[in-house]
Amino acid sequence: MQNGTDLYALDISGASFVQACGDPCTEGCVTLARIGEDAWALGDSKRPDAEPLRFTTEELDAAGINPARFGLNV
């Protein structure tokens, strides 16, 4: 992350997570929230109390995860 910021030190208590699927997710969906300028939190709608994983934009891109699929801008 830029400037050496620890992604897991960022407060995500007010983060707004969105799902990529357009239909009701009966199997569970990946959720994504922007948590900083170059920081994202990736969650699981079937396990809402599990700690979301955190990634930089570059890491999301390397994993093939496009925030635009979630209606989010990079």
PDB file of N, CA and C in Angstrom:
ATOM      1  N   MET A   1       0.843  -1.182   0.000  1.00  0.00           N
ATOM      2  CA  MET A   1       0.000   0.000   0.000  1.00  0.00           C
ATOM      3  C   MET A   1       0.878   1.231   0.000  1.00  0.00           C
ATOM      4  N   GLN A   2       0.365   2.303  -0.540  1.00  0.00           N
ATOM      5  CA  GLN A   2       1.133   3.539  -0.612  1.00  0.00           C
ATOM      6  C   GLN A   2       1.536   4.012   0.775  1.00  0.00           C
ATOM      7  N   ASN A   3       2.713   4.600   0.854  1.00  0.00           N
ATOM      8  CA  ASN A   3       3.244   5.164   2.094  1.00  0.00           C
ATOM      9  C   ASN A   3       3.384   4.127   3.207  1.00  0.00           C
ATOM     10  N   GLY A   4       3.393   2.849   2.864  1.00  0.00           N
ATOM     11  CA  GLY A   4       3.605   1.809   3.860  1.00  0.00           C
ATOM     12  C   GLY A   4       2.460   1.624   4.836  1.00  0.00           C
ATOM     13  N   THR A   5       1.252   2.077   4.511  1.00  0.00           N
ATOM     14  CA  THR A   5       0.110   1.929   5.407  1.00  0.00           C
ATOM     15  C   THR A   5      -0.270   0.463   5.530  1.00  0.00           C
ATOM     16  N   ASP A   6      -0.510   0.007   6.730  1.00  0.00           N
ATOM     17  CA  ASP A   6      -0.950  -1.356   6.972  1.00  0.00           C
ATOM     18  C   ASP A   6      -2.448  -1.433   6.694  1.00  0.00           C
ATOM     19  N   LEU A   7      -2.840  -2.236   5.724  1.00  0.00           N
ATOM     20  CA  LEU A   7      -4.251  -2.356   5.353  1.00  0.00           C
ATOM     21  C   LEU A   7      -5.127  -2.784   6.526  1.00  0.00           C
ATOM     22  N   TYR A   8      -4.594  -3.640   7.389  1.00  0.00           N
ATOM     23  CA  TYR A   8      -5.388  -4.136   8.512  1.00  0.00           C
ATOM     24  C   TYR A   8      -5.454  -3.146   9.673  1.00  0.00           C
ATOM     25  N   ALA A   9      -4.739  -2.038   9.560  1.00  0.00           N
ATOM     26  CA  ALA A   9      -4.836  -0.989  10.572  1.00  0.00           C
ATOM     27  C   ALA A   9      -5.951   0.000  10.227  1.00  0.00           C
ATOM     28  N   LEU A  10      -6.464  -0.059   8.992  1.00  0.00           N
ATOM     29  CA  LEU A  10      -7.525   0.851   8.570  1.00  0.00           C
ATOM     30  C   LEU A  10      -8.849   0.462   9.224  1.00  0.00           C
ATOM     31  N   ASP A  11      -9.584   1.462   9.681  1.00  0.00           N
ATOM     32  CA  ASP A  11     -10.895   1.244  10.301  1.00  0.00           C
ATOM     33  C   ASP A  11     -11.925   0.987   9.205  1.00  0.00           C
ATOM     34  N   ILE A  12     -12.591  -0.166   9.266  1.00  0.00           N
ATOM     35  CA  ILE A  12     -13.610  -0.465   8.261  1.00  0.00           C
ATOM     36  C   ILE A  12     -15.012  -0.509   8.873  1.00  0.00           C
ATOM     37  N   SER A  13     -15.150  -0.023  10.085  1.00  0.00           N
ATOM     38  CA  SER A  13     -16.452  -0.092  10.759  1.00  0.00           C
ATOM     39  C   SER A  13     -17.550   0.638   9.993  1.00  0.00           C
ATOM     40  N   GLY A  14     -17.213   1.671   9.246  1.00  0.00           N
ATOM     41  CA  GLY A  14     -18.219   2.396   8.479  1.00  0.00           C
ATOM     42  C   GLY A  14     -18.225   2.059   7.008  1.00  0.00           C
ATOM     43  N   ALA A  15     -17.491   1.013   6.612  1.00  0.00           N
ATOM     44  CA  ALA A  15     -17.386   0.652   5.196  1.00  0.00           C
ATOM     45  C   ALA A  15     -18.728   0.160   4.663  1.00  0.00           C
ATOM     46  N   SER A  16     -19.006   0.511   3.433  1.00  0.00           N
ATOM     47  CA  SER A  16     -20.240   0.110   2.770  1.00  0.00           C
ATOM     48  C   SER A  16     -19.920  -0.978   1.751  1.00  0.00           C
ATOM     49  N   PHE A  17     -20.252  -2.217   2.089  1.00  0.00           N
ATOM     50  CA  PHE A  17     -19.966  -3.361   1.227  1.00  0.00           C
ATOM     51  C   PHE A  17     -21.088  -3.549   0.213  1.00  0.00           C
ATOM     52  N   VAL A  18     -20.701  -3.864  -1.027  1.00  0.00           N
ATOM     53  CA  VAL A  18     -21.673  -4.142  -2.087  1.00  0.00           C
ATOM     54  C   VAL A  18     -21.366  -5.507  -2.691  1.00  0.00           C
ATOM     55  N   GLN A  19     -22.410  -6.156  -3.248  1.00  0.00           N
ATOM     56  CA  GLN A  19     -22.261  -7.467  -3.858  1.00  0.00           C
ATOM     57  C   GLN A  19     -22.140  -7.317  -5.366  1.00  0.00           C
ATOM     58  N   ALA A  20     -21.417  -8.237  -5.983  1.00  0.00           N
ATOM     59  CA  ALA A  20     -21.219  -8.192  -7.429  1.00  0.00           C
ATOM     60  C   ALA A  20     -22.422  -8.735  -8.185  1.00  0.00           C
ATOM     61  N   CYS A  21     -23.161  -9.642  -7.583  1.00  0.00           N
ATOM     62  CA  CYS A  21     -24.264 -10.270  -8.309  1.00  0.00           C
ATOM     63  C   CYS A  21     -25.467  -9.334  -8.376  1.00  0.00           C
ATOM     64  N   GLY A  22     -26.195  -9.394  -9.478  1.00  0.00           N
ATOM     65  CA  GLY A  22     -27.365  -8.553  -9.648  1.00  0.00           C
ATOM     66  C   GLY A  22     -28.626  -9.180  -9.089  1.00  0.00           C
ATOM     67  N   ASP A  23     -28.636 -10.502  -8.970  1.00  0.00           N
ATOM     68  CA  ASP A  23     -29.804 -11.224  -8.488  1.00  0.00           C
ATOM     69  C   ASP A  23     -29.630 -11.538  -7.008  1.00  0.00           C
ATOM     70  N   PRO A  24     -30.713 -11.984  -6.365  1.00  0.00           N
ATOM     71  CA  PRO A  24     -30.545 -12.431  -4.972  1.00  0.00           C
ATOM     72  C   PRO A  24     -29.488 -13.530  -4.920  1.00  0.00           C
ATOM     73  N   CYS A  25     -28.597 -13.441  -4.001  1.00  0.00           N
ATOM     74  CA  CYS A  25     -27.485 -14.385  -3.912  1.00  0.00           C
ATOM     75  C   CYS A  25     -27.864 -15.547  -3.009  1.00  0.00           C
ATOM     76  N   THR A  26     -28.321 -16.626  -3.597  1.00  0.00           N
ATOM     77  CA  THR A  26     -28.709 -17.785  -2.803  1.00  0.00           C
ATOM     78  C   THR A  26     -27.504 -18.625  -2.401  1.00  0.00           C
ATOM     79  N   GLU A  27     -26.435 -18.546  -3.166  1.00  0.00           N
ATOM     80  CA  GLU A  27     -25.224 -19.308  -2.868  1.00  0.00           C
ATOM     81  C   GLU A  27     -24.216 -18.491  -2.077  1.00  0.00           C
ATOM     82  N   GLY A  28     -24.497 -17.231  -1.857  1.00  0.00           N
ATOM     83  CA  GLY A  28     -23.547 -16.343  -1.206  1.00  0.00           C
ATOM     84  C   GLY A  28     -22.759 -15.585  -2.249  1.00  0.00           C
ATOM     85  N   CYS A  29     -22.396 -14.404  -1.926  1.00  0.00           N
ATOM     86  CA  CYS A  29     -21.671 -13.558  -2.865  1.00  0.00           C
ATOM     87  C   CYS A  29     -20.464 -12.922  -2.187  1.00  0.00           C
ATOM     88  N   VAL A  30     -19.510 -12.605  -3.016  1.00  0.00           N
ATOM     89  CA  VAL A  30     -18.367 -11.824  -2.564  1.00  0.00           C
ATOM     90  C   VAL A  30     -18.847 -10.387  -2.416  1.00  0.00           C
ATOM     91  N   THR A  31     -18.415  -9.728  -1.368  1.00  0.00           N
ATOM     92  CA  THR A  31     -18.737  -8.324  -1.158  1.00  0.00           C
ATOM     93  C   THR A  31     -17.446  -7.522  -1.174  1.00  0.00           C
ATOM     94  N   LEU A  32     -17.537  -6.269  -1.612  1.00  0.00           N
ATOM     95  CA  LEU A  32     -16.357  -5.433  -1.734  1.00  0.00           C
ATOM     96  C   LEU A  32     -16.673  -4.030  -1.234  1.00  0.00           C
ATOM     97  N   ALA A  33     -15.710  -3.428  -0.552  1.00  0.00           N
ATOM     98  CA  ALA A  33     -15.849  -2.049  -0.085  1.00  0.00           C
ATOM     99  C   ALA A  33     -14.524  -1.324  -0.257  1.00  0.00           C
ATOM    100  N   ARG A  34     -14.616  -0.063  -0.651  1.00  0.00           N
ATOM    101  CA  ARG A  34     -13.414   0.780  -0.675  1.00  0.00           C
ATOM    102  C   ARG A  34     -13.188   1.244   0.763  1.00  0.00           C
ATOM    103  N   ILE A  35     -11.965   1.041   1.238  1.00  0.00           N
ATOM    104  CA  ILE A  35     -11.656   1.423   2.616  1.00  0.00           C
ATOM    105  C   ILE A  35     -10.541   2.467   2.692  1.00  0.00           C
ATOM    106  N   GLY A  36     -10.109   2.936   1.538  1.00  0.00           N
ATOM    107  CA  GLY A  36      -9.063   3.946   1.474  1.00  0.00           C
ATOM    108  C   GLY A  36      -8.780   4.280   0.021  1.00  0.00           C
ATOM    109  N   GLU A  37      -7.862   5.202  -0.191  1.00  0.00           N
ATOM    110  CA  GLU A  37      -7.536   5.647  -1.543  1.00  0.00           C
ATOM    111  C   GLU A  37      -7.100   4.488  -2.439  1.00  0.00           C
ATOM    112  N   ASP A  38      -6.327   3.584  -1.924  1.00  0.00           N
ATOM    113  CA  ASP A  38      -5.829   2.438  -2.671  1.00  0.00           C
ATOM    114  C   ASP A  38      -6.013   1.176  -1.844  1.00  0.00           C
ATOM    115  N   ALA A  39      -7.183   1.072  -1.207  1.00  0.00           N
ATOM    116  CA  ALA A  39      -7.409  -0.032  -0.286  1.00  0.00           C
ATOM    117  C   ALA A  39      -8.841  -0.538  -0.400  1.00  0.00           C
ATOM    118  N   TRP A  40      -8.973  -1.860  -0.349  1.00  0.00           N
ATOM    119  CA  TRP A  40     -10.260  -2.523  -0.510  1.00  0.00           C
ATOM    120  C   TRP A  40     -10.409  -3.621   0.523  1.00  0.00           C
ATOM    121  N   ALA A  41     -11.644  -3.887   0.923  1.00  0.00           N
ATOM    122  CA  ALA A  41     -11.948  -5.007   1.811  1.00  0.00           C
ATOM    123  C   ALA A  41     -12.876  -5.950   1.062  1.00  0.00           C
ATOM    124  N   LEU A  42     -12.566  -7.232   1.083  1.00  0.00           N
ATOM    125  CA  LEU A  42     -13.311  -8.257   0.370  1.00  0.00           C
ATOM    126  C   LEU A  42     -13.932  -9.189   1.401  1.00  0.00           C
ATOM    127  N   GLY A  43     -15.260  -9.265   1.386  1.00  0.00           N
ATOM    128  CA  GLY A  43     -15.961 -10.077   2.371  1.00  0.00           C
ATOM    129  C   GLY A  43     -16.765 -11.196   1.734  1.00  0.00           C
ATOM    130  N   ASP A  44     -17.481 -11.927   2.565  1.00  0.00           N
ATOM    131  CA  ASP A  44     -18.305 -13.064   2.145  1.00  0.00           C
ATOM    132  C   ASP A  44     -19.693 -12.873   2.746  1.00  0.00           C
ATOM    133  N   SER A  45     -20.718 -12.740   1.891  1.00  0.00           N
ATOM    134  CA  SER A  45     -22.069 -12.490   2.391  1.00  0.00           C
ATOM    135  C   SER A  45     -22.621 -13.650   3.208  1.00  0.00           C
ATOM    136  N   LYS A  46     -22.094 -14.856   3.016  1.00  0.00           N
ATOM    137  CA  LYS A  46     -22.549 -16.004   3.804  1.00  0.00           C
ATOM    138  C   LYS A  46     -21.896 -16.045   5.186  1.00  0.00           C
ATOM    139  N   ARG A  47     -20.832 -15.284   5.349  1.00  0.00           N
ATOM    140  CA  ARG A  47     -20.126 -15.229   6.632  1.00  0.00           C
ATOM    141  C   ARG A  47     -19.893 -13.763   7.005  1.00  0.00           C
ATOM    142  N   PRO A  48     -20.962 -13.014   7.267  1.00  0.00           N
ATOM    143  CA  PRO A  48     -20.825 -11.581   7.517  1.00  0.00           C
ATOM    144  C   PRO A  48     -20.007 -11.221   8.761  1.00  0.00           C
ATOM    145  N   ASP A  49     -19.871 -12.158   9.698  1.00  0.00           N
ATOM    146  CA  ASP A  49     -19.080 -11.860  10.893  1.00  0.00           C
ATOM    147  C   ASP A  49     -17.609 -12.237  10.735  1.00  0.00           C
ATOM    148  N   ALA A  50     -17.233 -12.819   9.599  1.00  0.00           N
ATOM    149  CA  ALA A  50     -15.821 -13.139   9.334  1.00  0.00           C
ATOM    150  C   ALA A  50     -15.087 -11.861   8.917  1.00  0.00           C
ATOM    151  N   GLU A  51     -13.866 -11.716   9.379  1.00  0.00           N
ATOM    152  CA  GLU A  51     -13.057 -10.535   9.053  1.00  0.00           C
ATOM    153  C   GLU A  51     -12.785 -10.499   7.549  1.00  0.00           C
ATOM    154  N   PRO A  52     -13.150  -9.402   6.868  1.00  0.00           N
ATOM    155  CA  PRO A  52     -12.865  -9.290   5.433  1.00  0.00           C
ATOM    156  C   PRO A  52     -11.364  -9.256   5.160  1.00  0.00           C
ATOM    157  N   LEU A  53     -10.986  -9.808   4.032  1.00  0.00           N
ATOM    158  CA  LEU A  53      -9.601  -9.730   3.580  1.00  0.00           C
ATOM    159  C   LEU A  53      -9.380  -8.350   2.971  1.00  0.00           C
ATOM    160  N   ARG A  54      -8.170  -7.860   3.003  1.00  0.00           N
ATOM    161  CA  ARG A  54      -7.883  -6.509   2.523  1.00  0.00           C
ATOM    162  C   ARG A  54      -6.811  -6.540   1.436  1.00  0.00           C
ATOM    163  N   PHE A  55      -7.022  -5.696   0.431  1.00  0.00           N
ATOM    164  CA  PHE A  55      -6.151  -5.681  -0.731  1.00  0.00           C
ATOM    165  C   PHE A  55      -5.917  -4.264  -1.226  1.00  0.00           C
ATOM    166  N   THR A  56      -4.807  -4.071  -1.903  1.00  0.00           N
ATOM    167  CA  THR A  56      -4.585  -2.830  -2.644  1.00  0.00           C
ATOM    168  C   THR A  56      -5.280  -2.983  -4.001  1.00  0.00           C
ATOM    169  N   THR A  57      -5.427  -1.891  -4.728  1.00  0.00           N
ATOM    170  CA  THR A  57      -6.010  -1.945  -6.066  1.00  0.00           C
ATOM    171  C   THR A  57      -5.174  -2.838  -6.970  1.00  0.00           C
ATOM    172  N   GLU A  58      -3.864  -2.747  -6.860  1.00  0.00           N
ATOM    173  CA  GLU A  58      -2.966  -3.578  -7.665  1.00  0.00           C
ATOM    174  C   GLU A  58      -3.176  -5.057  -7.361  1.00  0.00           C
ATOM    175  N   GLU A  59      -3.348  -5.397  -6.098  1.00  0.00           N
ATOM    176  CA  GLU A  59      -3.571  -6.796  -5.722  1.00  0.00           C
ATOM    177  C   GLU A  59      -4.915  -7.297  -6.233  1.00  0.00           C
ATOM    178  N   LEU A  60      -5.960  -6.459  -6.151  1.00  0.00           N
ATOM    179  CA  LEU A  60      -7.264  -6.847  -6.693  1.00  0.00           C
ATOM    180  C   LEU A  60      -7.154  -7.125  -8.182  1.00  0.00           C
ATOM    181  N   ASP A  61      -6.459  -6.242  -8.887  1.00  0.00           N
ATOM    182  CA  ASP A  61      -6.282  -6.391 -10.322  1.00  0.00           C
ATOM    183  C   ASP A  61      -5.548  -7.700 -10.640  1.00  0.00           C
ATOM    184  N   ALA A  62      -4.504  -8.002  -9.886  1.00  0.00           N
ATOM    185  CA  ALA A  62      -3.731  -9.234 -10.096  1.00  0.00           C
ATOM    186  C   ALA A  62      -4.596 -10.474  -9.861  1.00  0.00           C
ATOM    187  N   ALA A  63      -5.578 -10.361  -8.979  1.00  0.00           N
ATOM    188  CA  ALA A  63      -6.472 -11.482  -8.683  1.00  0.00           C
ATOM    189  C   ALA A  63      -7.646 -11.550  -9.656  1.00  0.00           C
ATOM    190  N   GLY A  64      -7.742 -10.575 -10.566  1.00  0.00           N
ATOM    191  CA  GLY A  64      -8.822 -10.563 -11.544  1.00  0.00           C
ATOM    192  C   GLY A  64     -10.133 -10.033 -11.002  1.00  0.00           C
ATOM    193  N   ILE A  65     -10.066  -9.271  -9.915  1.00  0.00           N
ATOM    194  CA  ILE A  65     -11.274  -8.700  -9.314  1.00  0.00           C
ATOM    195  C   ILE A  65     -11.391  -7.251  -9.749  1.00  0.00           C
ATOM    196  N   ASN A  66     -12.463  -6.942 -10.469  1.00  0.00           N
ATOM    197  CA  ASN A  66     -12.683  -5.601 -10.992  1.00  0.00           C
ATOM    198  C   ASN A  66     -13.744  -4.890 -10.159  1.00  0.00           C
ATOM    199  N   PRO A  67     -13.389  -3.826  -9.438  1.00  0.00           N
ATOM    200  CA  PRO A  67     -14.376  -3.099  -8.635  1.00  0.00           C
ATOM    201  C   PRO A  67     -15.576  -2.601  -9.436  1.00  0.00           C
ATOM    202  N   ALA A  68     -15.424  -2.421 -10.747  1.00  0.00           N
ATOM    203  CA  ALA A  68     -16.538  -1.969 -11.586  1.00  0.00           C
ATOM    204  C   ALA A  68     -17.671  -3.006 -11.597  1.00  0.00           C
ATOM    205  N   ARG A  69     -17.355  -4.274 -11.434  1.00  0.00           N
ATOM    206  CA  ARG A  69     -18.400  -5.316 -11.356  1.00  0.00           C
ATOM    207  C   ARG A  69     -19.288  -5.122 -10.140  1.00  0.00           C
ATOM    208  N   PHE A  70     -18.780  -4.403  -9.157  1.00  0.00           N
ATOM    209  CA  PHE A  70     -19.520  -4.125  -7.938  1.00  0.00           C
ATOM    210  C   PHE A  70     -20.151  -2.734  -7.979  1.00  0.00           C
ATOM    211  N   GLY A  71     -19.976  -2.050  -9.107  1.00  0.00           N
ATOM    212  CA  GLY A  71     -20.482  -0.684  -9.224  1.00  0.00           C
ATOM    213  C   GLY A  71     -19.591   0.341  -8.545  1.00  0.00           C
ATOM    214  N   LEU A  72     -18.332  -0.030  -8.302  1.00  0.00           N
ATOM    215  CA  LEU A  72     -17.387   0.846  -7.622  1.00  0.00           C
ATOM    216  C   LEU A  72     -16.326   1.343  -8.601  1.00  0.00           C
ATOM    217  N   ASN A  73     -15.880   2.550  -8.410  1.00  0.00           N
ATOM    218  CA  ASN A  73     -14.815   3.121  -9.236  1.00  0.00           C
ATOM    219  C   ASN A  73     -13.459   2.910  -8.588  1.00  0.00           C
ATOM    220  N   VAL A  74     -12.453   2.706  -9.414  1.00  0.00           N
ATOM    221  CA  VAL A  74     -11.084   2.532  -8.902  1.00  0.00           C
ATOM    222  C   VAL A  74     -10.514   3.887  -8.572  1.00  0.00           C
TER     223      VAL A  74
END
